[in-house]
Amino acid sequence: MTEPEVRQAVLDIIERIAPDEELGDINDAEPIREQVDLDSMDFLDIVMELRKIYGVEVPEEDYVELSTLERSVAYLSPRMQDKELAAKV
């Protein structure tokens, strides 16, 4: 997966978790939780979806790496390089 595809994969998961949120104006450098109404359970759902859909394990100590879209892409890209972007459900 390319970095833009990883970014899209994360956005697709956030859209599943918070379908009423507008994600078109998201700033990649700002914390996701400051831009999208996500609580801690929603965040855990994102981590679980990454594992379920892409087989990517994110240990609890690495959760901070998913704080922004920019950091998420940097963290996930090497772990998802051999994956394919899942179709939207």
Foldseek 3Di string as FASTA:
>chain_A
DDLVLQLVLLVLLLCVLPVVADPPPFDQPAFPVVRGVDDPVSLVSSQVCCCVVQVDHDDPVRSVQNRGSNSSSVVCCVVRVVPDRDDRD
